[in-house]
């Protein structure tokens, strides 16, 4: 029922919607509240059965997600828009929403446990990806995408390839972002870049690990 410009204000509680939340291309704001410590206290929970959020209708920066915890999302390894890596916490297809002060935790998928971006360029500020898991890109998976991340943290995410982030034919821009204690069973504990050209400024990689190549970062055909 929401219209462009509307704000949906959530309370400090956990919401089990039973299906993914689709913003349907609307320029709306989905806003949570903060606890006394300044942390998000409005939780969207996928209960380990479905993805939590999806933007697939050309959402722009005017579609805003603010002060939310996105947790326990599960992305089925099925084909969507020719992609099998469809995101546990959030999937963006040809869309570029804005996310501020959001936490993605304990989400899982074949690709992009926390978030999967396909032909998308979302803007993330002060967001945290923690304890998410996937085969590809435990925290985030980017395919033909150019997300912009500022003051974001990736910690304790895990994957077969790209524990913190996996970039495929993508050019993300990261400023003042931190990758800590992420792990990969194969390559790219903190980040794996394949045919990609990420731009990183003032970023920190600490205590990340990979069983084979690139504990902090692994670059293949990348710049």
N, C-alpha and C. Protein backbone atom coordinates (compact mmCIF):
# COMPACT_ATOMS: atom_id res chain seq x y z
N UNK A 1 0.81 -1.21 0.00
CA UNK A 1 0.00 0.00 0.00
C UNK A 1 0.85 1.27 0.00
N UNK A 2 2.16 1.14 0.21
CA UNK A 2 3.02 2.31 0.29
C UNK A 2 3.17 2.99 -1.07
N UNK A 3 3.38 4.30 -1.03
CA UNK A 3 3.60 5.10 -2.24
C UNK A 3 4.97 5.76 -2.17
N UNK A 4 5.47 6.21 -3.30
CA UNK A 4 6.76 6.90 -3.34
C UNK A 4 6.80 8.01 -2.29
N UNK A 5 7.90 8.07 -1.55
CA UNK A 5 8.08 9.08 -0.52
C UNK A 5 7.65 8.65 0.86
N UNK A 6 6.95 7.52 0.96
CA UNK A 6 6.49 7.04 2.26
C UNK A 6 7.65 6.47 3.09
N UNK A 7 7.51 6.56 4.42
CA UNK A 7 8.44 5.94 5.35
C UNK A 7 7.69 4.86 6.13
N UNK A 8 8.20 3.64 6.10
CA UNK A 8 7.65 2.56 6.90
C UNK A 8 8.53 2.43 8.14
N UNK A 9 8.00 2.83 9.28
CA UNK A 9 8.75 2.85 10.53
C UNK A 9 8.50 1.57 11.31
N UNK A 10 9.56 0.83 11.58
CA UNK A 10 9.45 -0.42 12.32
C UNK A 10 9.73 -0.20 13.80
N UNK A 11 9.20 -1.08 14.62
CA UNK A 11 9.45 -1.04 16.06
C UNK A 11 10.70 -1.84 16.39
N UNK A 12 11.08 -1.83 17.66
CA UNK A 12 12.23 -2.60 18.13
C UNK A 12 11.78 -4.02 18.45
N UNK A 13 11.60 -4.81 17.40
CA UNK A 13 11.18 -6.19 17.57
C UNK A 13 11.67 -7.00 16.38
N UNK A 14 11.42 -8.30 16.42
CA UNK A 14 11.82 -9.19 15.34
C UNK A 14 10.61 -9.54 14.48
N UNK A 15 10.76 -9.34 13.17
CA UNK A 15 9.67 -9.57 12.22
C UNK A 15 9.93 -10.83 11.42
N UNK A 16 9.01 -11.78 11.50
CA UNK A 16 9.04 -12.99 10.70
C UNK A 16 7.93 -12.88 9.65
N UNK A 17 8.28 -12.46 8.45
CA UNK A 17 7.25 -12.22 7.43
C UNK A 17 6.81 -13.48 6.71
N UNK A 18 7.64 -14.51 6.72
CA UNK A 18 7.28 -15.76 6.06
C UNK A 18 7.57 -15.79 4.57
N UNK A 19 7.99 -14.66 4.00
CA UNK A 19 8.39 -14.58 2.61
C UNK A 19 9.27 -13.35 2.43
N UNK A 20 9.98 -13.29 1.31
CA UNK A 20 10.87 -12.16 1.07
C UNK A 20 10.09 -10.85 0.97
N UNK A 21 10.74 -9.76 1.37
CA UNK A 21 10.16 -8.43 1.31
C UNK A 21 10.62 -7.77 0.02
N UNK A 22 9.66 -7.45 -0.86
CA UNK A 22 9.94 -6.89 -2.17
C UNK A 22 9.43 -5.45 -2.21
N UNK A 23 10.33 -4.50 -2.47
CA UNK A 23 9.92 -3.09 -2.48
C UNK A 23 9.24 -2.67 -3.77
N UNK A 24 9.18 -3.56 -4.77
CA UNK A 24 8.36 -3.34 -5.98
C UNK A 24 8.69 -2.06 -6.73
N UNK A 25 9.95 -1.65 -6.63
CA UNK A 25 10.39 -0.47 -7.38
C UNK A 25 9.99 0.86 -6.78
N UNK A 26 9.43 0.85 -5.59
CA UNK A 26 8.94 2.09 -4.98
C UNK A 26 10.06 2.86 -4.27
N UNK A 27 10.00 4.18 -4.35
CA UNK A 27 10.96 5.06 -3.68
C UNK A 27 10.51 5.29 -2.25
N UNK A 28 10.64 4.27 -1.43
CA UNK A 28 10.19 4.33 -0.04
C UNK A 28 11.36 4.08 0.90
N UNK A 29 11.15 4.37 2.18
CA UNK A 29 12.16 4.12 3.20
C UNK A 29 11.63 3.10 4.19
N UNK A 30 12.41 2.05 4.41
CA UNK A 30 12.10 1.05 5.43
C UNK A 30 13.08 1.30 6.57
N UNK A 31 12.59 1.83 7.69
CA UNK A 31 13.47 2.34 8.75
C UNK A 31 13.24 1.61 10.06
N UNK A 32 14.34 1.18 10.67
CA UNK A 32 14.29 0.58 11.99
C UNK A 32 14.62 1.60 13.07
N UNK A 33 14.68 1.13 14.31
CA UNK A 33 15.04 1.99 15.44
C UNK A 33 16.35 1.49 16.04
N UNK A 34 16.96 2.34 16.86
CA UNK A 34 18.22 2.01 17.50
C UNK A 34 18.01 1.73 18.98
N UNK A 35 18.85 0.86 19.54
CA UNK A 35 18.80 0.63 20.97
C UNK A 35 19.65 1.70 21.68
N UNK A 36 19.79 1.59 23.00
CA UNK A 36 20.52 2.60 23.75
C UNK A 36 22.00 2.68 23.38
N UNK A 37 22.52 1.59 22.82
CA UNK A 37 23.92 1.58 22.40
C UNK A 37 24.10 2.10 20.98
N UNK A 38 23.00 2.48 20.34
CA UNK A 38 23.07 3.00 18.99
C UNK A 38 23.10 1.94 17.92
N UNK A 39 22.74 0.71 18.30
CA UNK A 39 22.73 -0.40 17.35
C UNK A 39 21.31 -0.66 16.86
N UNK A 40 21.15 -1.14 15.61
CA UNK A 40 19.82 -1.44 15.09
C UNK A 40 19.09 -2.46 15.97
N UNK A 41 17.82 -2.17 16.25
CA UNK A 41 17.02 -3.05 17.11
C UNK A 41 15.78 -3.58 16.40
N UNK A 42 15.63 -3.27 15.12
CA UNK A 42 14.53 -3.79 14.31
C UNK A 42 15.08 -4.89 13.42
N UNK A 43 14.57 -6.11 13.60
CA UNK A 43 15.16 -7.30 12.99
C UNK A 43 14.20 -7.90 11.96
N UNK A 44 14.70 -8.12 10.76
CA UNK A 44 13.96 -8.85 9.73
C UNK A 44 14.58 -10.23 9.64
N UNK A 45 13.80 -11.27 9.95
CA UNK A 45 14.33 -12.63 10.11
C UNK A 45 13.74 -13.57 9.06
N UNK A 46 14.63 -14.22 8.32
CA UNK A 46 14.20 -15.18 7.30
C UNK A 46 13.96 -16.57 7.81
N UNK A 47 14.23 -16.79 9.10
CA UNK A 47 13.99 -18.08 9.76
C UNK A 47 14.67 -19.24 9.06
N UNK A 48 15.72 -18.93 8.27
CA UNK A 48 16.46 -19.99 7.60
C UNK A 48 15.71 -20.66 6.47
N UNK A 49 14.60 -20.05 6.01
CA UNK A 49 13.77 -20.69 4.98
C UNK A 49 13.63 -19.87 3.70
N UNK A 50 13.95 -18.56 3.74
CA UNK A 50 13.76 -17.74 2.56
C UNK A 50 14.67 -16.52 2.62
N UNK A 51 14.92 -15.91 1.47
CA UNK A 51 15.65 -14.66 1.40
C UNK A 51 14.85 -13.58 2.13
N UNK A 52 15.56 -12.58 2.69
CA UNK A 52 14.86 -11.55 3.46
C UNK A 52 14.39 -10.39 2.59
N UNK A 53 15.29 -9.80 1.77
CA UNK A 53 14.97 -8.60 0.99
C UNK A 53 15.28 -8.82 -0.49
N UNK A 54 14.49 -8.19 -1.36
CA UNK A 54 14.79 -8.22 -2.79
C UNK A 54 14.40 -6.90 -3.44
N UNK A 55 15.29 -6.38 -4.29
CA UNK A 55 15.00 -5.23 -5.14
C UNK A 55 15.25 -5.69 -6.58
N UNK A 56 14.20 -5.77 -7.37
CA UNK A 56 14.32 -6.30 -8.73
C UNK A 56 13.51 -5.50 -9.74
N UNK A 57 13.09 -4.30 -9.34
CA UNK A 57 12.22 -3.50 -10.21
C UNK A 57 12.81 -2.13 -10.52
N UNK A 58 14.14 -2.08 -10.63
CA UNK A 58 14.79 -0.82 -10.97
C UNK A 58 14.84 0.18 -9.85
N UNK A 59 14.86 -0.29 -8.60
CA UNK A 59 14.97 0.63 -7.47
C UNK A 59 16.22 1.51 -7.60
N UNK A 60 16.09 2.77 -7.20
CA UNK A 60 17.20 3.71 -7.25
C UNK A 60 17.65 4.03 -5.82
N UNK A 61 18.53 5.02 -5.70
CA UNK A 61 19.01 5.43 -4.38
C UNK A 61 17.88 5.97 -3.51
N UNK A 62 16.73 6.26 -4.11
CA UNK A 62 15.58 6.77 -3.35
C UNK A 62 14.86 5.67 -2.58
N UNK A 63 15.20 4.42 -2.85
CA UNK A 63 14.69 3.31 -2.04
C UNK A 63 15.71 3.05 -0.95
N UNK A 64 15.30 3.26 0.31
CA UNK A 64 16.26 3.31 1.42
C UNK A 64 15.93 2.27 2.49
N UNK A 65 16.97 1.57 2.94
CA UNK A 65 16.88 0.66 4.08
C UNK A 65 17.80 1.20 5.16
N UNK A 66 17.25 1.44 6.35
CA UNK A 66 18.01 2.16 7.37
C UNK A 66 17.85 1.50 8.74
N UNK A 67 18.97 1.30 9.42
CA UNK A 67 18.98 0.81 10.81
C UNK A 67 18.21 -0.50 10.97
N UNK A 68 18.57 -1.48 10.16
CA UNK A 68 17.91 -2.79 10.20
C UNK A 68 18.91 -3.90 10.44
N UNK A 69 18.45 -4.97 11.07
CA UNK A 69 19.21 -6.22 11.13
C UNK A 69 18.54 -7.20 10.19
N UNK A 70 19.29 -7.70 9.22
CA UNK A 70 18.78 -8.68 8.27
C UNK A 70 19.45 -10.01 8.60
N UNK A 71 18.69 -10.97 9.10
CA UNK A 71 19.32 -12.19 9.60
C UNK A 71 18.56 -13.45 9.20
N UNK A 72 19.32 -14.56 9.23
CA UNK A 72 18.78 -15.90 8.99
C UNK A 72 18.07 -16.03 7.66
N UNK A 73 18.52 -15.26 6.66
CA UNK A 73 17.97 -15.42 5.32
C UNK A 73 18.63 -16.59 4.62
N UNK A 74 17.88 -17.20 3.71
CA UNK A 74 18.41 -18.36 2.97
C UNK A 74 18.06 -18.22 1.50
N UNK A 75 19.08 -18.25 0.64
CA UNK A 75 18.87 -18.15 -0.80
C UNK A 75 18.90 -19.52 -1.44
N UNK A 76 17.78 -19.94 -2.00
CA UNK A 76 17.72 -21.22 -2.69
C UNK A 76 18.65 -21.20 -3.90
N UNK A 77 19.41 -22.28 -4.14
CA UNK A 77 20.31 -22.33 -5.31
C UNK A 77 19.54 -22.64 -6.58
N UNK A 78 18.62 -21.74 -6.94
CA UNK A 78 17.84 -21.90 -8.15
C UNK A 78 18.16 -20.79 -9.12
N UNK A 79 17.78 -20.93 -10.39
CA UNK A 79 18.12 -19.94 -11.39
C UNK A 79 17.13 -18.78 -11.35
N UNK A 80 17.67 -17.58 -11.19
CA UNK A 80 16.88 -16.36 -11.22
C UNK A 80 17.61 -15.36 -12.11
N UNK A 81 16.96 -14.90 -13.17
CA UNK A 81 17.59 -13.99 -14.12
C UNK A 81 18.91 -14.55 -14.66
N UNK A 82 18.95 -15.86 -14.83
CA UNK A 82 20.15 -16.50 -15.32
C UNK A 82 21.24 -16.65 -14.29
N UNK A 83 20.93 -16.29 -13.04
CA UNK A 83 21.91 -16.37 -11.96
C UNK A 83 21.51 -17.48 -10.98
N UNK A 84 22.51 -18.18 -10.49
CA UNK A 84 22.26 -19.19 -9.48
C UNK A 84 22.66 -18.70 -8.10
N UNK A 85 23.31 -17.56 -8.06
CA UNK A 85 23.81 -17.02 -6.81
C UNK A 85 22.91 -15.88 -6.38
N UNK A 86 21.85 -16.18 -5.65
CA UNK A 86 20.77 -15.20 -5.52
C UNK A 86 20.65 -14.55 -4.15
N UNK A 87 21.60 -14.75 -3.25
CA UNK A 87 21.62 -13.98 -2.02
C UNK A 87 20.71 -14.50 -0.93
N UNK A 88 21.25 -14.56 0.30
CA UNK A 88 20.46 -15.00 1.44
C UNK A 88 19.79 -13.84 2.16
N UNK A 89 20.57 -12.81 2.48
CA UNK A 89 20.01 -11.65 3.15
C UNK A 89 19.29 -10.71 2.20
N UNK A 90 19.93 -10.45 1.03
CA UNK A 90 19.35 -9.51 0.07
C UNK A 90 19.84 -9.81 -1.33
N UNK A 91 18.95 -9.69 -2.32
CA UNK A 91 19.31 -9.83 -3.73
C UNK A 91 18.87 -8.59 -4.47
N UNK A 92 19.84 -7.95 -5.17
CA UNK A 92 19.54 -6.78 -5.99
C UNK A 92 19.77 -7.12 -7.45
N UNK A 93 18.72 -6.94 -8.27
CA UNK A 93 18.83 -7.17 -9.70
C UNK A 93 18.51 -5.88 -10.44
N UNK A 94 19.49 -5.37 -11.19
CA UNK A 94 19.31 -4.14 -11.96
C UNK A 94 18.70 -3.04 -11.10
N UNK A 95 19.16 -2.96 -9.86
CA UNK A 95 18.63 -1.99 -8.91
C UNK A 95 19.77 -1.43 -8.05
N UNK A 96 19.58 -0.24 -7.53
CA UNK A 96 20.63 0.43 -6.77
C UNK A 96 20.07 1.14 -5.54
N UNK A 97 19.57 0.39 -4.58
CA UNK A 97 19.02 1.01 -3.37
C UNK A 97 20.11 1.57 -2.47
N UNK A 98 19.69 2.29 -1.42
CA UNK A 98 20.59 2.86 -0.42
C UNK A 98 20.41 2.11 0.89
N UNK A 99 21.52 1.69 1.50
CA UNK A 99 21.47 1.02 2.80
C UNK A 99 22.38 1.75 3.77
N UNK A 100 21.83 2.11 4.93
CA UNK A 100 22.59 2.85 5.95
C UNK A 100 22.42 2.17 7.30
N UNK A 101 23.54 1.92 7.97
CA UNK A 101 23.53 1.38 9.34
C UNK A 101 22.74 0.07 9.43
N UNK A 102 22.96 -0.81 8.47
CA UNK A 102 22.29 -2.11 8.47
C UNK A 102 23.30 -3.22 8.78
N UNK A 103 22.81 -4.27 9.43
CA UNK A 103 23.64 -5.41 9.77
C UNK A 103 23.09 -6.67 9.11
N UNK A 104 23.94 -7.37 8.38
CA UNK A 104 23.58 -8.65 7.76
C UNK A 104 24.31 -9.75 8.52
N UNK A 105 23.54 -10.66 9.14
CA UNK A 105 24.18 -11.68 9.97
C UNK A 105 23.50 -13.03 9.82
N UNK A 106 24.30 -14.07 9.85
CA UNK A 106 23.87 -15.48 9.79
C UNK A 106 22.93 -15.76 8.63
N UNK A 107 23.20 -15.13 7.49
CA UNK A 107 22.49 -15.45 6.26
C UNK A 107 23.33 -16.43 5.44
N UNK A 108 22.68 -17.20 4.56
CA UNK A 108 23.41 -18.17 3.76
C UNK A 108 22.79 -18.30 2.37
N UNK A 109 23.64 -18.66 1.40
CA UNK A 109 23.19 -18.85 0.02
C UNK A 109 24.30 -19.54 -0.75
N UNK A 110 23.98 -19.97 -1.97
CA UNK A 110 25.03 -20.51 -2.84
C UNK A 110 26.02 -19.42 -3.18
N UNK A 111 25.53 -18.22 -3.46
CA UNK A 111 26.38 -17.07 -3.73
C UNK A 111 25.84 -15.83 -3.05
N UNK A 112 26.71 -15.14 -2.30
CA UNK A 112 26.27 -13.93 -1.61
C UNK A 112 25.44 -14.23 -0.40
N UNK A 113 26.05 -14.79 0.64
CA UNK A 113 25.30 -15.11 1.84
C UNK A 113 24.58 -13.90 2.41
N UNK A 114 25.31 -12.80 2.58
CA UNK A 114 24.70 -11.57 3.09
C UNK A 114 23.95 -10.83 2.02
N UNK A 115 24.62 -10.54 0.89
CA UNK A 115 24.01 -9.78 -0.21
C UNK A 115 24.56 -10.26 -1.54
N UNK A 116 23.68 -10.31 -2.54
CA UNK A 116 24.07 -10.63 -3.90
C UNK A 116 23.62 -9.49 -4.81
N UNK A 117 24.56 -8.95 -5.58
CA UNK A 117 24.25 -7.87 -6.52
C UNK A 117 24.52 -8.33 -7.95
N UNK A 118 23.50 -8.23 -8.80
CA UNK A 118 23.64 -8.59 -10.20
C UNK A 118 23.20 -7.40 -11.04
N UNK A 119 24.15 -6.84 -11.81
CA UNK A 119 23.89 -5.65 -12.61
C UNK A 119 23.31 -4.53 -11.74
N UNK A 120 23.86 -4.38 -10.56
CA UNK A 120 23.33 -3.42 -9.60
C UNK A 120 24.46 -2.61 -8.96
N UNK A 121 24.10 -1.43 -8.46
CA UNK A 121 25.09 -0.55 -7.82
C UNK A 121 24.51 0.07 -6.56
N UNK A 122 24.23 -0.73 -5.55
CA UNK A 122 23.71 -0.17 -4.30
C UNK A 122 24.76 0.68 -3.59
N UNK A 123 24.30 1.57 -2.71
CA UNK A 123 25.19 2.40 -1.89
C UNK A 123 25.02 1.99 -0.44
N UNK A 124 26.12 1.56 0.18
CA UNK A 124 26.08 1.09 1.56
C UNK A 124 26.99 1.96 2.42
N UNK A 125 26.45 2.44 3.55
CA UNK A 125 27.23 3.25 4.48
C UNK A 125 27.05 2.70 5.90
N UNK A 126 28.18 2.47 6.57
CA UNK A 126 28.17 1.99 7.96
C UNK A 126 27.35 0.69 8.11
N UNK A 127 27.55 -0.21 7.18
CA UNK A 127 26.87 -1.51 7.23
C UNK A 127 27.85 -2.60 7.66
N UNK A 128 27.32 -3.63 8.31
CA UNK A 128 28.14 -4.71 8.83
C UNK A 128 27.66 -6.05 8.26
N UNK A 129 28.63 -6.86 7.82
CA UNK A 129 28.35 -8.22 7.36
C UNK A 129 29.12 -9.17 8.27
N UNK A 130 28.41 -9.97 9.04
CA UNK A 130 29.07 -10.82 10.01
C UNK A 130 28.44 -12.21 10.07
N UNK A 131 29.29 -13.22 10.05
CA UNK A 131 28.87 -14.62 10.22
C UNK A 131 27.90 -15.08 9.14
N UNK A 132 28.07 -14.56 7.91
CA UNK A 132 27.31 -15.04 6.77
C UNK A 132 28.13 -16.11 6.04
N UNK A 133 27.46 -16.96 5.27
CA UNK A 133 28.18 -18.05 4.60
C UNK A 133 27.61 -18.32 3.21
N UNK A 134 28.47 -18.80 2.32
CA UNK A 134 28.06 -19.13 0.95
C UNK A 134 29.17 -19.94 0.30
N UNK A 135 28.86 -20.52 -0.85
CA UNK A 135 29.92 -21.14 -1.65
C UNK A 135 30.80 -20.05 -2.26
N UNK A 136 30.15 -18.97 -2.72
CA UNK A 136 30.85 -17.86 -3.36
C UNK A 136 30.42 -16.55 -2.68
N UNK A 137 31.38 -15.86 -2.06
CA UNK A 137 31.07 -14.58 -1.44
C UNK A 137 30.24 -14.71 -0.19
N UNK A 138 30.90 -15.07 0.92
CA UNK A 138 30.17 -15.24 2.17
C UNK A 138 29.43 -13.99 2.60
N UNK A 139 30.12 -12.84 2.59
CA UNK A 139 29.48 -11.58 2.95
C UNK A 139 28.72 -10.98 1.80
N UNK A 140 29.39 -10.85 0.63
CA UNK A 140 28.77 -10.21 -0.53
C UNK A 140 29.31 -10.81 -1.82
N UNK A 141 28.42 -10.99 -2.80
CA UNK A 141 28.79 -11.45 -4.13
C UNK A 141 28.34 -10.41 -5.13
N UNK A 142 29.27 -9.93 -5.97
CA UNK A 142 28.95 -8.94 -6.99
C UNK A 142 29.23 -9.50 -8.37
N UNK A 143 28.23 -9.43 -9.25
CA UNK A 143 28.37 -9.86 -10.64
C UNK A 143 27.92 -8.73 -11.55
N UNK A 144 28.84 -8.24 -12.38
CA UNK A 144 28.55 -7.12 -13.29
C UNK A 144 27.93 -5.95 -12.51
N UNK A 145 28.51 -5.67 -11.35
CA UNK A 145 27.96 -4.66 -10.46
C UNK A 145 29.04 -3.70 -9.97
N UNK A 146 28.61 -2.53 -9.50
CA UNK A 146 29.54 -1.52 -8.99
C UNK A 146 28.99 -0.88 -7.72
N UNK A 147 28.88 -1.65 -6.66
CA UNK A 147 28.40 -1.08 -5.40
C UNK A 147 29.42 -0.11 -4.80
N UNK A 148 28.93 0.83 -3.99
CA UNK A 148 29.78 1.77 -3.28
C UNK A 148 29.62 1.53 -1.78
N UNK A 149 30.73 1.21 -1.12
CA UNK A 149 30.69 0.91 0.31
C UNK A 149 31.59 1.88 1.06
N UNK A 150 31.05 2.50 2.12
CA UNK A 150 31.81 3.42 2.95
C UNK A 150 31.63 3.05 4.41
N UNK A 151 32.73 2.93 5.13
CA UNK A 151 32.71 2.61 6.57
C UNK A 151 31.96 1.29 6.85
N UNK A 152 32.18 0.31 6.01
CA UNK A 152 31.52 -0.99 6.18
C UNK A 152 32.50 -2.02 6.75
N UNK A 153 31.95 -3.01 7.42
CA UNK A 153 32.76 -4.03 8.09
C UNK A 153 32.34 -5.43 7.66
N UNK A 154 33.32 -6.25 7.33
CA UNK A 154 33.09 -7.66 7.01
C UNK A 154 33.87 -8.49 8.02
N UNK A 155 33.16 -9.25 8.84
CA UNK A 155 33.85 -10.01 9.88
C UNK A 155 33.26 -11.41 10.04
N UNK A 156 34.15 -12.39 10.10
CA UNK A 156 33.77 -13.79 10.38
C UNK A 156 32.79 -14.35 9.37
N UNK A 157 32.90 -13.91 8.11
CA UNK A 157 32.13 -14.53 7.04
C UNK A 157 32.96 -15.65 6.42
N UNK A 158 32.29 -16.63 5.80
CA UNK A 158 33.01 -17.77 5.26
C UNK A 158 32.42 -18.22 3.93
N UNK A 159 33.29 -18.78 3.08
CA UNK A 159 32.86 -19.25 1.77
C UNK A 159 33.92 -20.20 1.22
N UNK A 160 33.57 -20.91 0.16
CA UNK A 160 34.57 -21.71 -0.56
C UNK A 160 35.52 -20.76 -1.30
N UNK A 161 34.97 -19.73 -1.93
CA UNK A 161 35.74 -18.70 -2.61
C UNK A 161 35.24 -17.32 -2.17
N UNK A 162 36.17 -16.48 -1.72
CA UNK A 162 35.79 -15.12 -1.32
C UNK A 162 35.01 -15.07 -0.02
N UNK A 163 35.69 -15.28 1.08
CA UNK A 163 35.01 -15.30 2.37
C UNK A 163 34.25 -14.03 2.68
N UNK A 164 34.92 -12.88 2.56
CA UNK A 164 34.26 -11.61 2.82
C UNK A 164 33.49 -11.12 1.62
N UNK A 165 34.14 -11.09 0.44
CA UNK A 165 33.52 -10.56 -0.77
C UNK A 165 34.08 -11.26 -2.00
N UNK A 166 33.20 -11.57 -2.96
CA UNK A 166 33.60 -12.13 -4.25
C UNK A 166 33.11 -11.16 -5.34
N UNK A 167 34.05 -10.71 -6.17
CA UNK A 167 33.71 -9.81 -7.27
C UNK A 167 33.97 -10.49 -8.60
N UNK A 168 32.94 -10.55 -9.44
CA UNK A 168 33.06 -11.14 -10.77
C UNK A 168 32.63 -10.09 -11.80
N UNK A 169 33.57 -9.70 -12.66
CA UNK A 169 33.29 -8.67 -13.68
C UNK A 169 32.64 -7.45 -13.03
N UNK A 170 33.20 -7.03 -11.92
CA UNK A 170 32.60 -5.94 -11.14
C UNK A 170 33.66 -4.90 -10.75
N UNK A 171 33.18 -3.71 -10.41
CA UNK A 171 34.07 -2.61 -10.03
C UNK A 171 33.53 -1.91 -8.79
N UNK A 172 33.55 -2.57 -7.65
CA UNK A 172 33.08 -1.92 -6.43
C UNK A 172 34.07 -0.85 -5.96
N UNK A 173 33.55 0.14 -5.23
CA UNK A 173 34.38 1.18 -4.62
C UNK A 173 34.22 1.09 -3.12
N UNK A 174 35.33 0.84 -2.42
CA UNK A 174 35.30 0.69 -0.97
C UNK A 174 36.19 1.75 -0.33
N UNK A 175 35.64 2.46 0.66
CA UNK A 175 36.38 3.47 1.38
C UNK A 175 36.26 3.22 2.87
N UNK A 176 37.42 3.14 3.55
CA UNK A 176 37.46 2.95 4.99
C UNK A 176 36.67 1.72 5.44
N UNK A 177 36.84 0.64 4.70
CA UNK A 177 36.17 -0.62 5.05
C UNK A 177 37.15 -1.59 5.69
N UNK A 178 36.64 -2.48 6.52
CA UNK A 178 37.48 -3.39 7.29
C UNK A 178 37.06 -4.84 7.04
N UNK A 179 38.03 -5.71 6.79
CA UNK A 179 37.81 -7.14 6.61
C UNK A 179 38.61 -7.88 7.68
N UNK A 180 37.92 -8.56 8.58
CA UNK A 180 38.57 -9.21 9.71
C UNK A 180 38.01 -10.61 9.92
N UNK A 181 38.91 -11.59 10.08
CA UNK A 181 38.53 -12.96 10.45
C UNK A 181 37.58 -13.62 9.45
N UNK A 182 37.68 -13.23 8.18
CA UNK A 182 36.92 -13.93 7.15
C UNK A 182 37.76 -15.09 6.63
N UNK A 183 37.09 -16.11 6.10
CA UNK A 183 37.84 -17.29 5.69
C UNK A 183 37.27 -17.90 4.41
N UNK A 184 38.17 -18.53 3.63
CA UNK A 184 37.79 -19.23 2.41
C UNK A 184 38.42 -20.62 2.42
N UNK A 185 37.64 -21.60 2.00
CA UNK A 185 38.17 -22.96 1.91
C UNK A 185 39.18 -23.08 0.78
N UNK A 186 39.09 -22.19 -0.22
CA UNK A 186 40.01 -22.26 -1.35
C UNK A 186 40.81 -20.97 -1.49
N UNK A 187 40.21 -19.92 -2.07
CA UNK A 187 40.95 -18.70 -2.36
C UNK A 187 40.20 -17.45 -1.89
N UNK A 188 40.99 -16.44 -1.51
CA UNK A 188 40.41 -15.13 -1.17
C UNK A 188 39.69 -15.10 0.15
N UNK A 189 40.43 -15.19 1.24
CA UNK A 189 39.78 -15.15 2.55
C UNK A 189 39.01 -13.87 2.78
N UNK A 190 39.66 -12.73 2.58
CA UNK A 190 38.99 -11.45 2.74
C UNK A 190 38.21 -11.07 1.50
N UNK A 191 38.86 -11.15 0.32
CA UNK A 191 38.23 -10.75 -0.93
C UNK A 191 38.82 -11.54 -2.08
N UNK A 192 37.97 -11.92 -3.03
CA UNK A 192 38.43 -12.54 -4.27
C UNK A 192 37.91 -11.74 -5.44
N UNK A 193 38.82 -11.37 -6.34
CA UNK A 193 38.47 -10.59 -7.53
C UNK A 193 38.75 -11.41 -8.79
N UNK A 194 37.73 -11.57 -9.62
CA UNK A 194 37.86 -12.29 -10.88
C UNK A 194 37.39 -11.38 -12.00
N UNK A 195 38.31 -11.05 -12.91
CA UNK A 195 37.98 -10.13 -14.02
C UNK A 195 37.33 -8.86 -13.48
N UNK A 196 37.89 -8.32 -12.42
CA UNK A 196 37.30 -7.17 -11.74
C UNK A 196 38.32 -6.07 -11.49
N UNK A 197 37.82 -4.87 -11.23
CA UNK A 197 38.68 -3.71 -10.97
C UNK A 197 38.16 -2.91 -9.79
N UNK A 198 38.26 -3.47 -8.60
CA UNK A 198 37.80 -2.74 -7.42
C UNK A 198 38.72 -1.56 -7.09
N UNK A 199 38.15 -0.55 -6.44
CA UNK A 199 38.94 0.58 -5.95
C UNK A 199 38.81 0.60 -4.44
N UNK A 200 39.94 0.46 -3.74
CA UNK A 200 39.95 0.41 -2.29
C UNK A 200 40.79 1.56 -1.75
N UNK A 201 40.22 2.33 -0.83
CA UNK A 201 40.92 3.45 -0.22
C UNK A 201 40.81 3.35 1.30
N UNK A 202 41.94 3.38 1.99
CA UNK A 202 41.97 3.34 3.46
C UNK A 202 41.22 2.13 4.00
N UNK A 203 41.42 0.97 3.39
CA UNK A 203 40.78 -0.26 3.85
C UNK A 203 41.78 -1.12 4.62
N UNK A 204 41.26 -1.94 5.53
CA UNK A 204 42.10 -2.76 6.39
C UNK A 204 41.72 -4.23 6.28
N UNK A 205 42.72 -5.09 6.09
CA UNK A 205 42.51 -6.54 6.05
C UNK A 205 43.34 -7.16 7.18
N UNK A 206 42.66 -7.80 8.13
CA UNK A 206 43.34 -8.35 9.31
C UNK A 206 42.82 -9.75 9.63
N UNK A 207 43.75 -10.68 9.81
CA UNK A 207 43.42 -12.03 10.31
C UNK A 207 42.42 -12.77 9.43
N UNK A 208 42.49 -12.53 8.11
CA UNK A 208 41.70 -13.33 7.18
C UNK A 208 42.53 -14.53 6.73
N UNK A 209 41.87 -15.57 6.25
CA UNK A 209 42.62 -16.78 5.89
C UNK A 209 41.99 -17.51 4.72
N UNK A 210 42.86 -18.21 3.97
CA UNK A 210 42.42 -19.06 2.87
C UNK A 210 43.28 -20.32 2.88
N UNK A 211 42.68 -21.45 2.53
CA UNK A 211 43.42 -22.70 2.56
C UNK A 211 44.49 -22.76 1.47
N UNK A 212 44.28 -22.01 0.35
CA UNK A 212 45.24 -22.08 -0.74
C UNK A 212 45.85 -20.72 -1.07
N UNK A 213 45.12 -19.84 -1.71
CA UNK A 213 45.71 -18.58 -2.18
C UNK A 213 44.98 -17.36 -1.64
N UNK A 214 45.74 -16.34 -1.26
CA UNK A 214 45.17 -15.04 -0.92
C UNK A 214 44.40 -15.00 0.38
N UNK A 215 45.13 -15.08 1.49
CA UNK A 215 44.44 -14.98 2.77
C UNK A 215 43.67 -13.68 2.90
N UNK A 216 44.34 -12.57 2.58
CA UNK A 216 43.68 -11.27 2.60
C UNK A 216 42.90 -11.01 1.33
N UNK A 217 43.57 -11.18 0.17
CA UNK A 217 42.94 -10.90 -1.13
C UNK A 217 43.58 -11.76 -2.20
N UNK A 218 42.75 -12.25 -3.12
CA UNK A 218 43.24 -12.99 -4.26
C UNK A 218 42.70 -12.35 -5.53
N UNK A 219 43.60 -12.02 -6.48
CA UNK A 219 43.23 -11.36 -7.73
C UNK A 219 43.55 -12.26 -8.93
N UNK A 220 42.53 -12.50 -9.75
CA UNK A 220 42.70 -13.28 -10.96
C UNK A 220 42.13 -12.48 -12.13
N UNK A 221 42.99 -12.20 -13.13
CA UNK A 221 42.58 -11.38 -14.28
C UNK A 221 41.94 -10.08 -13.81
N UNK A 222 42.53 -9.47 -12.80
CA UNK A 222 41.92 -8.28 -12.19
C UNK A 222 42.94 -7.15 -12.05
N UNK A 223 42.40 -5.97 -11.77
CA UNK A 223 43.25 -4.77 -11.61
C UNK A 223 42.86 -4.07 -10.32
